[in-house]
């Protein structure tokens, strides 16, 4: 195993159990690469999805890990670009030489920058095919479209619209960090969820609303069911076709 792969594997192993929860939808988390097969954008980490891919709060970059059975972990960025807004992505070197790498989201939704595959090297999210509408991008509905390119793996297809074969950010349910203190999963999130549901105050003063599944019906039993289901790593009911 080369030095750069050892460092990446080590950094993943010693990283905090939870950096930020993936906001990839539980029922829309896979894309397909022509030479490596399925890639799961959501479920990296323990607990499930704790280190999966996410869009930052400002919608300017990605962070976290995707997983491929045939290619290993794919690092979309560490979530801390040097300027706070976007990764600079120097154009040469290995992951050891290029600390500020990652995938950026441009103002028009198109993607740019590089991800790093532990076994496959750099993946370019800023390339264009012969058709300009096939550039990798995040649509306004949260779905990924287009293609990314890896010299060692070929095209990664983000353009499929068939259910279960595309990646979508912003799952219908809210995040399990109910009190939005960046610590989860934790007992206080559950306590705050039920306190706010009962009309009491949030411990942080910054809790999400009680319509957890965002179906505009609340209070209802399904919000409680969905919160506990998503907390356990399951799908949101409003994401299930």
Protein backbone atom coordinates (compact mmCIF):
# COMPACT_ATOMS: atom_id res chain seq x y z
CA UNK A 1 0.00 0.00 0.00
CA UNK A 2 1.46 3.41 -0.97
CA UNK A 3 2.10 6.13 1.60
CA UNK A 4 -0.78 8.29 0.43
CA UNK A 5 -3.25 5.41 0.82
CA UNK A 6 -1.97 4.63 4.30
CA UNK A 7 -2.47 8.24 5.38
CA UNK A 8 -6.01 8.39 4.02
CA UNK A 9 -6.99 5.12 5.63
CA UNK A 10 -5.48 6.25 8.90
CA UNK A 11 -7.19 9.62 8.82
CA UNK A 12 -10.55 7.98 8.27
CA UNK A 13 -10.00 5.52 11.09
CA UNK A 14 -9.09 8.16 13.66
CA UNK A 15 -11.55 10.82 12.57
CA UNK A 16 -14.28 11.75 15.06
CA UNK A 17 -17.22 9.35 14.90
CA UNK A 18 -19.44 12.16 13.67
CA UNK A 19 -18.24 15.17 11.69
CA UNK A 20 -21.56 16.11 10.14
CA UNK A 21 -24.44 13.97 9.03
CA UNK A 22 -24.81 13.24 5.34
CA UNK A 23 -27.69 15.08 3.72
CA UNK A 24 -27.95 12.61 0.85
CA UNK A 25 -31.45 11.12 0.73
CA UNK A 26 -31.63 7.57 2.11
CA UNK A 27 -33.55 6.37 -0.96
CA UNK A 28 -31.39 8.23 -3.51
CA UNK A 29 -27.76 7.53 -2.65
CA UNK A 30 -26.23 5.51 -5.52
CA UNK A 31 -24.53 6.36 -8.79
CA UNK A 32 -22.78 4.03 -11.25
CA UNK A 33 -19.21 4.13 -12.58
CA UNK A 34 -18.51 2.25 -15.79
CA UNK A 35 -15.43 0.48 -14.45
CA UNK A 36 -16.04 0.31 -10.70
CA UNK A 37 -19.77 -0.30 -10.31
CA UNK A 38 -22.06 1.24 -7.70
CA UNK A 39 -20.95 4.11 -5.47
CA UNK A 40 -22.85 4.84 -2.24
CA UNK A 41 -22.77 8.55 -1.37
CA UNK A 42 -24.54 8.37 1.97
CA UNK A 43 -23.70 5.52 4.31
CA UNK A 44 -20.01 5.97 5.22
CA UNK A 45 -19.23 6.06 8.92
CA UNK A 46 -20.56 4.60 12.13
CA UNK A 47 -23.27 5.44 13.00
CA UNK A 48 -24.57 5.10 9.47
CA UNK A 49 -24.24 8.25 7.32
CA UNK A 50 -22.15 10.07 9.93
CA UNK A 51 -19.29 10.51 7.44
CA UNK A 52 -21.23 10.31 4.18
CA UNK A 53 -21.22 13.05 1.56
CA UNK A 54 -22.92 16.30 2.45
CA UNK A 55 -23.47 19.79 1.05
CA UNK A 56 -22.26 22.53 3.38
CA UNK A 57 -24.70 25.06 4.80
CA UNK A 58 -23.75 27.70 2.26
CA UNK A 59 -24.22 25.34 -0.71
CA UNK A 60 -20.71 26.07 -1.95
CA UNK A 61 -18.90 22.74 -1.53
CA UNK A 62 -19.20 19.02 -0.75
CA UNK A 63 -17.53 17.12 2.06
CA UNK A 64 -17.39 13.56 3.37
CA UNK A 65 -16.88 10.12 1.86
CA UNK A 66 -18.59 7.99 -0.76
CA UNK A 67 -17.99 4.23 -0.78
CA UNK A 68 -17.47 1.77 -3.61
CA UNK A 69 -17.05 -1.95 -3.03
CA UNK A 70 -14.59 -2.05 -5.91
CA UNK A 71 -12.79 1.27 -5.42
CA UNK A 72 -12.88 1.95 -1.68
CA UNK A 73 -13.49 5.34 -0.09
CA UNK A 74 -13.80 8.46 -2.23
CA UNK A 75 -13.07 11.69 -0.36
CA UNK A 76 -15.09 14.69 -1.59
CA UNK A 77 -13.24 17.10 0.72
CA UNK A 78 -12.72 17.58 4.45
CA UNK A 79 -15.31 20.33 4.86
CA UNK A 80 -12.74 23.00 5.81
CA UNK A 81 -11.58 24.82 2.65
CA UNK A 82 -8.77 27.25 3.39
CA UNK A 83 -10.85 30.32 2.56
CA UNK A 84 -14.02 28.96 4.15
CA UNK A 85 -15.96 29.08 0.89
CA UNK A 86 -14.42 26.73 -1.69
CA UNK A 87 -11.47 24.39 -2.08
CA UNK A 88 -8.51 25.82 -4.02
CA UNK A 89 -7.65 22.48 -5.68
CA UNK A 90 -3.98 22.87 -6.68
CA UNK A 91 -3.50 21.12 -9.99
CA UNK A 92 -0.76 18.59 -9.27
CA UNK A 93 0.44 16.09 -6.71
CA UNK A 94 -1.06 13.33 -4.58
CA UNK A 95 -3.50 13.76 -1.73
CA UNK A 96 -0.48 14.29 0.53
CA UNK A 97 0.71 17.27 -1.53
CA UNK A 98 -2.70 18.91 -2.05
CA UNK A 99 -4.35 19.50 1.32
CA UNK A 100 -7.03 21.92 0.10
CA UNK A 101 -8.78 19.63 -2.38
CA UNK A 102 -12.47 18.90 -2.78
CA UNK A 103 -15.58 19.31 -4.88
CA UNK A 104 -17.04 22.82 -5.15
CA UNK A 105 -20.56 23.92 -6.07
CA UNK A 106 -20.61 26.97 -8.32
CA UNK A 107 -23.36 29.59 -8.25
CA UNK A 108 -25.09 27.99 -11.25
CA UNK A 109 -25.11 24.58 -9.55
CA UNK A 110 -22.29 23.13 -11.67
CA UNK A 111 -19.54 21.22 -9.88
CA UNK A 112 -15.80 21.75 -10.08
CA UNK A 113 -12.70 20.52 -8.31
CA UNK A 114 -11.46 17.07 -7.42
CA UNK A 115 -12.32 14.12 -5.21
CA UNK A 116 -9.68 11.58 -4.16
CA UNK A 117 -10.26 7.84 -4.40
CA UNK A 118 -8.02 5.83 -2.09
CA UNK A 119 -7.49 3.19 -4.78
CA UNK A 120 -8.28 5.11 -7.96
CA UNK A 121 -6.66 8.54 -7.62
CA UNK A 122 -8.17 11.87 -8.64
CA UNK A 123 -11.73 12.27 -9.91
CA UNK A 124 -12.46 15.48 -11.81
CA UNK A 125 -15.93 16.94 -11.30
CA UNK A 126 -15.29 19.94 -13.53
CA UNK A 127 -14.93 18.23 -16.90
CA UNK A 128 -17.38 18.61 -19.76
CA UNK A 129 -18.35 16.02 -22.32
CA UNK A 130 -19.26 16.82 -25.91
CA UNK A 131 -22.66 17.91 -24.58
CA UNK A 132 -22.42 20.94 -22.29
CA UNK A 133 -25.53 19.86 -20.38
CA UNK A 134 -23.69 16.78 -19.16
CA UNK A 135 -21.35 18.66 -16.84
CA UNK A 136 -21.65 17.40 -13.24
CA UNK A 137 -24.08 19.63 -11.36
CA UNK A 138 -26.60 19.83 -8.55
CA UNK A 139 -30.07 20.67 -9.82
CA UNK A 140 -32.43 22.95 -7.94
CA UNK A 141 -34.36 19.87 -6.77
CA UNK A 142 -31.17 18.53 -5.13
CA UNK A 143 -30.48 15.77 -7.67
CA UNK A 144 -27.01 15.23 -9.09
CA UNK A 145 -26.77 15.13 -12.88
CA UNK A 146 -23.98 14.88 -15.44
CA UNK A 147 -20.65 13.05 -15.38
CA UNK A 148 -17.33 13.08 -13.52
CA UNK A 149 -14.07 11.68 -14.90
CA UNK A 150 -11.27 9.64 -13.38
CA UNK A 151 -8.17 8.83 -15.40
CA UNK A 152 -8.05 5.39 -13.81
CA UNK A 153 -11.78 4.57 -13.84
CA UNK A 154 -13.34 6.45 -16.73
CA UNK A 155 -16.73 8.15 -16.55
CA UNK A 156 -18.80 8.21 -13.38
CA UNK A 157 -22.45 8.50 -14.36
CA UNK A 158 -24.54 10.91 -12.28
CA UNK A 159 -27.06 11.36 -15.07
CA UNK A 160 -29.46 8.46 -14.55
CA UNK A 161 -33.00 9.42 -13.52
CA UNK A 162 -34.30 5.92 -12.75
CA UNK A 163 -35.38 5.54 -9.12
CA UNK A 164 -32.62 4.12 -6.92
CA UNK A 165 -29.89 4.88 -9.46
CA UNK A 166 -29.23 8.55 -8.80
CA UNK A 167 -28.00 10.72 -5.93
CA UNK A 168 -30.14 13.43 -4.38
CA UNK A 169 -29.28 15.86 -1.60
CA UNK A 170 -31.80 17.19 0.87
CA UNK A 171 -33.77 14.11 1.83
CA UNK A 172 -37.34 14.91 2.76
CA UNK A 173 -36.73 14.46 6.48
CA UNK A 174 -34.75 16.97 8.53
CA UNK A 175 -31.37 16.08 10.02
CA UNK A 176 -31.20 14.06 13.25
CA UNK A 177 -29.20 16.88 14.90
CA UNK A 178 -32.55 18.27 16.07
CA UNK A 179 -31.11 20.87 18.40
CA UNK A 180 -28.49 21.89 15.83
CA UNK A 181 -25.56 21.89 18.23
CA UNK A 182 -23.37 19.83 15.84
CA UNK A 183 -23.27 16.90 18.29
CA UNK A 184 -25.17 13.78 17.22
CA UNK A 185 -26.46 11.25 17.72
CA UNK A 186 -26.99 12.23 21.37
CA UNK A 187 -29.69 11.83 24.00
CA UNK A 188 -30.26 15.59 24.10
CA UNK A 189 -31.52 15.59 20.51
CA UNK A 190 -34.19 13.06 21.46
CA UNK A 191 -35.07 14.96 24.64
CA UNK A 192 -35.35 18.22 22.70
CA UNK A 193 -37.44 16.58 19.98
CA UNK A 194 -40.05 15.40 22.45
CA UNK A 195 -39.89 18.58 24.51
CA UNK A 196 -40.54 20.76 21.48
CA UNK A 197 -43.24 18.34 20.31
CA UNK A 198 -44.92 18.86 23.69
CA UNK A 199 -44.62 22.64 23.41
CA UNK A 200 -41.61 23.12 25.70
CA UNK A 201 -38.41 25.04 25.05
CA UNK A 202 -35.40 23.80 23.10
CA UNK A 203 -32.22 23.44 25.15
CA UNK A 204 -30.16 25.33 22.56
CA UNK A 205 -32.86 27.80 21.51
CA UNK A 206 -32.21 26.69 17.94
CA UNK A 207 -34.18 23.48 17.40
CA UNK A 208 -35.72 22.45 14.11
CA UNK A 209 -39.51 22.45 13.78
CA UNK A 210 -41.58 19.41 14.71
CA UNK A 211 -42.64 18.68 11.12
CA UNK A 212 -39.63 16.35 10.86
CA UNK A 213 -40.73 14.65 7.62
CA UNK A 214 -41.75 17.97 6.03
CA UNK A 215 -45.13 16.74 4.83
CA UNK A 216 -46.84 19.83 6.28
CA UNK A 217 -48.92 17.71 8.67
CA UNK A 218 -48.04 18.21 12.34
CA UNK A 219 -48.07 17.27 15.09
CA UNK A 220 -48.50 13.65 13.97
CA UNK A 221 -47.29 10.20 14.94
CA UNK A 222 -45.43 9.83 11.62
CA UNK A 223 -43.01 12.61 12.55
CA UNK A 224 -42.08 10.68 15.70
CA UNK A 225 -41.79 7.43 13.75
CA UNK A 226 -39.65 9.08 11.07
CA UNK A 227 -37.36 10.75 13.59
CA UNK A 228 -36.63 7.49 15.38
CA UNK A 229 -36.31 5.61 12.07
CA UNK A 230 -33.84 8.09 10.56
CA UNK A 231 -31.95 8.20 13.87
CA UNK A 232 -31.49 4.43 13.52
CA UNK A 233 -30.22 4.80 9.94
CA UNK A 234 -33.45 4.02 8.12
CA UNK A 235 -35.28 5.94 5.38
CA UNK A 236 -37.64 8.86 5.77
CA UNK A 237 -41.21 7.84 4.92
CA UNK A 238 -41.56 10.76 2.53
CA UNK A 239 -38.51 9.58 0.55
CA UNK A 240 -40.05 6.16 -0.13
CA UNK A 241 -41.72 6.05 -3.56
